[in-house]
Amino acid sequence: MVKKVMGDIQGFWRKRDEWITVTEDFMSAILAEPERFGMTRAAIDEIYTAQGEMIGTEGRARDQVIKQVIENGWVRIRRYDAMGVRLVVQGAGIDAQISSIPDFLADVLARDPSDGSATVVINDLASGETRTFNVGESGVSETIEGDLSAE
């Protein structure tokens, strides 16, 4: 059974073979071990102060910290199971993320097996590009989003 955090979402931070299961929210994981994410508490405090926001609250500062952590090589993963396994992956370098889908999915499903199929949405924060893939017994296939009937 998937342990749910953040409502119906299960969250992870991943960098290469290192996984961190998010137990509260993504920002709390960073604040608990900023050096692990390539930051310092002083740098985080500076970002929040510059934005006039309280540490850990959702807003521009949080977005800036998360973007910096992703630029430091971490990938943010959110797993939604309400309508089958749906993984939303935010990272830098969409091509690298796409090439790692089979290994990545095997790691996720090893933590909580399902029927072996999933939808993986990859969002490259650097370029803003988003691509969606279906993963199942036949392998990985990209989903074309949008209205194909429009001319």
Foldseek 3Di string as FASTA:
>chain_A
DDDDEPPQKWKWKDAPPDIDTDHHDPQVVCCVPVVVLVHDVVVLVVLCVVVVHDRPDDDDSSVVSVVVSQVSRMKMWMWGCPPHTEIEIEHADVVVVVVCVVVVLVVVCVVPPDQFKYKYWYAHPVVRDIWIWIQDPVGIDTDDDDDPVDD
